[in-house]
Amino acid sequence: MNDKTAKPVAKLAGVTSFGLDDSDYIAPPPREIRDKAKAGGELLGFQSDKPTQAAAPVAPKKRARQPSQYPDHYNLRLRDGDRERLDEYAYRHRMAKGEVFGLMLDLLEAEEQRNMKGDK
């Protein structure tokens, strides 16, 4: 036959021996007595490592969302050399890359205006 059909013996709180007979079983005291003993121990200075009540999970405080300084996001596909040139220029002049990009647009528009005046 098969031993898997036998159910395992349930663990008993307060067992004083590890024998197979249940004659040494000591029932745990009722909740009131345990609470009273715990309170008496705390008065004597013994603090429990376990919290007395299950602490409610504290939700992290959400910061107020600040309005974005840069409301528009733009993705550019740049070649490696152009990306390095932009980064180097921004670093050399201690400017944000967005400011460098705005400066490039201003220069392009000025060049366009100059070319339009020259064509007339």
C-alpha atoms as a PDB file:
ATOM      1  CA  MET A   1       0.000   0.000   0.000  1.00  0.00           C
ATOM      2  CA  ASN A   2       0.924   3.669  -0.119  1.00  0.00           C
ATOM      3  CA  ASP A   3       1.931   5.909   2.832  1.00  0.00           C
ATOM      4  CA  LYS A   4       0.826   9.076   1.024  1.00  0.00           C
ATOM      5  CA  THR A   5      -2.790   8.543   2.013  1.00  0.00           C
ATOM      6  CA  ALA A   6      -2.035   9.176   5.707  1.00  0.00           C
ATOM      7  CA  LYS A   7      -2.521  12.834   6.693  1.00  0.00           C
ATOM      8  CA  PRO A   8       0.331  14.536   8.547  1.00  0.00           C
ATOM      9  CA  VAL A   9      -0.193  15.198  12.233  1.00  0.00           C
ATOM     10  CA  ALA A  10      -1.099  18.848  12.913  1.00  0.00           C
ATOM     11  CA  LYS A  11       1.376  20.879  14.939  1.00  0.00           C
ATOM     12  CA  LEU A  12       0.148  21.670  18.416  1.00  0.00           C
ATOM     13  CA  ALA A  13       1.103  24.832  20.271  1.00  0.00           C
ATOM     14  CA  GLY A  14       2.470  24.153  23.713  1.00  0.00           C
ATOM     15  CA  VAL A  15       3.763  20.614  23.108  1.00  0.00           C
ATOM     16  CA  THR A  16       6.444  19.855  25.671  1.00  0.00           C
ATOM     17  CA  SER A  17       7.850  16.714  24.084  1.00  0.00           C
ATOM     18  CA  PHE A  18       8.354  15.442  20.616  1.00  0.00           C
ATOM     19  CA  GLY A  19       6.968  11.975  21.237  1.00  0.00           C
ATOM     20  CA  LEU A  20       4.121  10.525  19.245  1.00  0.00           C
ATOM     21  CA  ASP A  21       1.645  10.447  22.119  1.00  0.00           C
ATOM     22  CA  ASP A  22      -0.459  13.505  22.976  1.00  0.00           C
ATOM     23  CA  SER A  23      -0.303  12.925  26.739  1.00  0.00           C
ATOM     24  CA  ASP A  24       2.227  15.763  27.234  1.00  0.00           C
ATOM     25  CA  TYR A  25       0.096  18.349  25.428  1.00  0.00           C
ATOM     26  CA  ILE A  26      -0.394  21.602  27.318  1.00  0.00           C
ATOM     27  CA  ALA A  27      -3.115  23.836  25.860  1.00  0.00           C
ATOM     28  CA  PRO A  28      -2.099  27.484  25.282  1.00  0.00           C
ATOM     29  CA  PRO A  29      -3.719  29.960  27.669  1.00  0.00           C
ATOM     30  CA  PRO A  30      -6.735  31.955  26.514  1.00  0.00           C
ATOM     31  CA  ARG A  31      -6.272  35.309  24.749  1.00  0.00           C
ATOM     32  CA  GLU A  32      -7.175  37.401  27.857  1.00  0.00           C
ATOM     33  CA  ILE A  33      -4.493  35.751  29.963  1.00  0.00           C
ATOM     34  CA  ARG A  34      -1.879  36.161  27.208  1.00  0.00           C
ATOM     35  CA  ASP A  35      -2.786  39.845  26.777  1.00  0.00           C
ATOM     36  CA  LYS A  36      -2.606  40.406  30.532  1.00  0.00           C
ATOM     37  CA  ALA A  37       0.805  38.706  30.740  1.00  0.00           C
ATOM     38  CA  LYS A  38       2.064  40.753  27.809  1.00  0.00           C
ATOM     39  CA  ALA A  39       0.883  44.006  29.425  1.00  0.00           C
ATOM     40  CA  GLY A  40       2.538  43.006  32.709  1.00  0.00           C
ATOM     41  CA  GLY A  41       5.798  42.250  30.902  1.00  0.00           C
ATOM     42  CA  GLU A  42       5.692  45.633  29.124  1.00  0.00           C
ATOM     43  CA  LEU A  43       5.243  47.348  32.507  1.00  0.00           C
ATOM     44  CA  LEU A  44       8.419  45.612  33.655  1.00  0.00           C
ATOM     45  CA  GLY A  45      10.273  46.865  30.580  1.00  0.00           C
ATOM     46  CA  PHE A  46      10.061  43.893  28.232  1.00  0.00           C
ATOM     47  CA  GLN A  47       9.117  45.160  24.779  1.00  0.00           C
ATOM     48  CA  SER A  48       7.837  42.821  22.101  1.00  0.00           C
ATOM     49  CA  ASP A  49       9.609  42.637  18.772  1.00  0.00           C
ATOM     50  CA  LYS A  50       6.295  42.060  17.050  1.00  0.00           C
ATOM     51  CA  PRO A  51       3.888  44.981  16.626  1.00  0.00           C
ATOM     52  CA  THR A  52       0.785  44.793  18.783  1.00  0.00           C
ATOM     53  CA  GLN A  53      -1.528  45.541  15.868  1.00  0.00           C
ATOM     54  CA  ALA A  54      -0.998  44.987  12.206  1.00  0.00           C
ATOM     55  CA  ALA A  55       0.193  48.358  11.025  1.00  0.00           C
ATOM     56  CA  ALA A  56      -1.803  49.713   8.126  1.00  0.00           C
ATOM     57  CA  PRO A  57       0.385  50.172   5.074  1.00  0.00           C
ATOM     58  CA  VAL A  58       1.384  53.789   4.924  1.00  0.00           C
ATOM     59  CA  ALA A  59       0.718  55.298   1.538  1.00  0.00           C
ATOM     60  CA  PRO A  60       3.629  57.437   0.394  1.00  0.00           C
ATOM     61  CA  LYS A  61       2.835  61.119   0.357  1.00  0.00           C
ATOM     62  CA  LYS A  62       2.398  62.325  -3.171  1.00  0.00           C
ATOM     63  CA  ARG A  63       4.075  65.543  -4.008  1.00  0.00           C
ATOM     64  CA  ALA A  64       2.052  68.231  -5.687  1.00  0.00           C
ATOM     65  CA  ARG A  65       2.832  68.008  -9.352  1.00  0.00           C
ATOM     66  CA  GLN A  66       4.811  71.000 -10.497  1.00  0.00           C
ATOM     67  CA  PRO A  67       3.945  72.498 -13.859  1.00  0.00           C
ATOM     68  CA  SER A  68       6.543  71.495 -16.386  1.00  0.00           C
ATOM     69  CA  GLN A  69       9.117  74.109 -17.267  1.00  0.00           C
ATOM     70  CA  TYR A  70       9.328  72.508 -20.687  1.00  0.00           C
ATOM     71  CA  PRO A  71       5.758  71.549 -21.659  1.00  0.00           C
ATOM     72  CA  ASP A  72       6.695  70.197 -25.103  1.00  0.00           C
ATOM     73  CA  HIS A  73       8.877  67.187 -25.611  1.00  0.00           C
ATOM     74  CA  TYR A  74      10.550  66.636 -28.932  1.00  0.00           C
ATOM     75  CA  ASN A  75      12.549  63.655 -30.062  1.00  0.00           C
ATOM     76  CA  LEU A  76      15.255  64.108 -32.661  1.00  0.00           C
ATOM     77  CA  ARG A  77      17.123  61.471 -34.583  1.00  0.00           C
ATOM     78  CA  LEU A  78      20.718  62.619 -34.778  1.00  0.00           C
ATOM     79  CA  ARG A  79      23.808  61.046 -36.188  1.00  0.00           C
ATOM     80  CA  ASP A  80      26.552  60.240 -33.711  1.00  0.00           C
ATOM     81  CA  GLY A  81      28.775  63.091 -34.858  1.00  0.00           C
ATOM     82  CA  ASP A  82      25.972  65.668 -34.687  1.00  0.00           C
ATOM     83  CA  ARG A  83      24.932  64.502 -31.252  1.00  0.00           C
ATOM     84  CA  GLU A  84      28.504  64.805 -30.011  1.00  0.00           C
ATOM     85  CA  ARG A  85      28.830  68.293 -31.518  1.00  0.00           C
ATOM     86  CA  LEU A  86      25.607  69.455 -29.820  1.00  0.00           C
ATOM     87  CA  ASP A  87      26.667  67.982 -26.465  1.00  0.00           C
ATOM     88  CA  GLU A  88      30.150  69.499 -26.767  1.00  0.00           C
ATOM     89  CA  TYR A  89      28.799  72.946 -27.657  1.00  0.00           C
ATOM     90  CA  ALA A  90      26.331  72.875 -24.750  1.00  0.00           C
ATOM     91  CA  TYR A  91      29.084  71.782 -22.360  1.00  0.00           C
ATOM     92  CA  ARG A  92      31.612  74.305 -23.651  1.00  0.00           C
ATOM     93  CA  HIS A  93      29.179  77.234 -23.259  1.00  0.00           C
ATOM     94  CA  ARG A  94      27.532  75.866 -20.098  1.00  0.00           C
ATOM     95  CA  MET A  95      24.097  75.940 -21.688  1.00  0.00           C
ATOM     96  CA  ALA A  96      21.199  73.549 -21.520  1.00  0.00           C
ATOM     97  CA  LYS A  97      20.721  71.524 -24.680  1.00  0.00           C
ATOM     98  CA  GLY A  98      17.268  73.038 -25.107  1.00  0.00           C
ATOM     99  CA  GLU A  99      18.794  76.521 -25.088  1.00  0.00           C
ATOM    100  CA  VAL A 100      21.343  75.449 -27.699  1.00  0.00           C
ATOM    101  CA  PHE A 101      18.531  74.071 -29.835  1.00  0.00           C
ATOM    102  CA  GLY A 102      16.598  77.364 -29.516  1.00  0.00           C
ATOM    103  CA  LEU A 103      19.749  79.284 -30.468  1.00  0.00           C
ATOM    104  CA  MET A 104      20.181  77.080 -33.537  1.00  0.00           C
ATOM    105  CA  LEU A 105      16.589  77.816 -34.591  1.00  0.00           C
ATOM    106  CA  ASP A 106      17.135  81.561 -34.111  1.00  0.00           C
ATOM    107  CA  LEU A 107      20.283  81.435 -36.245  1.00  0.00           C
ATOM    108  CA  LEU A 108      18.541  79.407 -38.955  1.00  0.00           C
ATOM    109  CA  GLU A 109      15.671  81.888 -39.102  1.00  0.00           C
ATOM    110  CA  ALA A 110      18.092  84.818 -39.270  1.00  0.00           C
ATOM    111  CA  GLU A 111      19.969  83.091 -42.093  1.00  0.00           C
ATOM    112  CA  GLU A 112      16.703  82.458 -43.892  1.00  0.00           C
ATOM    113  CA  GLN A 113      15.723  86.144 -43.580  1.00  0.00           C
ATOM    114  CA  ARG A 114      19.126  87.219 -44.852  1.00  0.00           C
ATOM    115  CA  ASN A 115      18.845  84.885 -47.843  1.00  0.00           C
ATOM    116  CA  MET A 116      15.351  86.149 -48.660  1.00  0.00           C
ATOM    117  CA  LYS A 117      16.579  89.782 -48.650  1.00  0.00           C
ATOM    118  CA  GLY A 118      19.528  88.821 -50.854  1.00  0.00           C
ATOM    119  CA  ASP A 119      17.249  87.103 -53.424  1.00  0.00           C
ATOM    120  CA  LYS A 120      15.216  90.269 -54.039  1.00  0.00           C
END
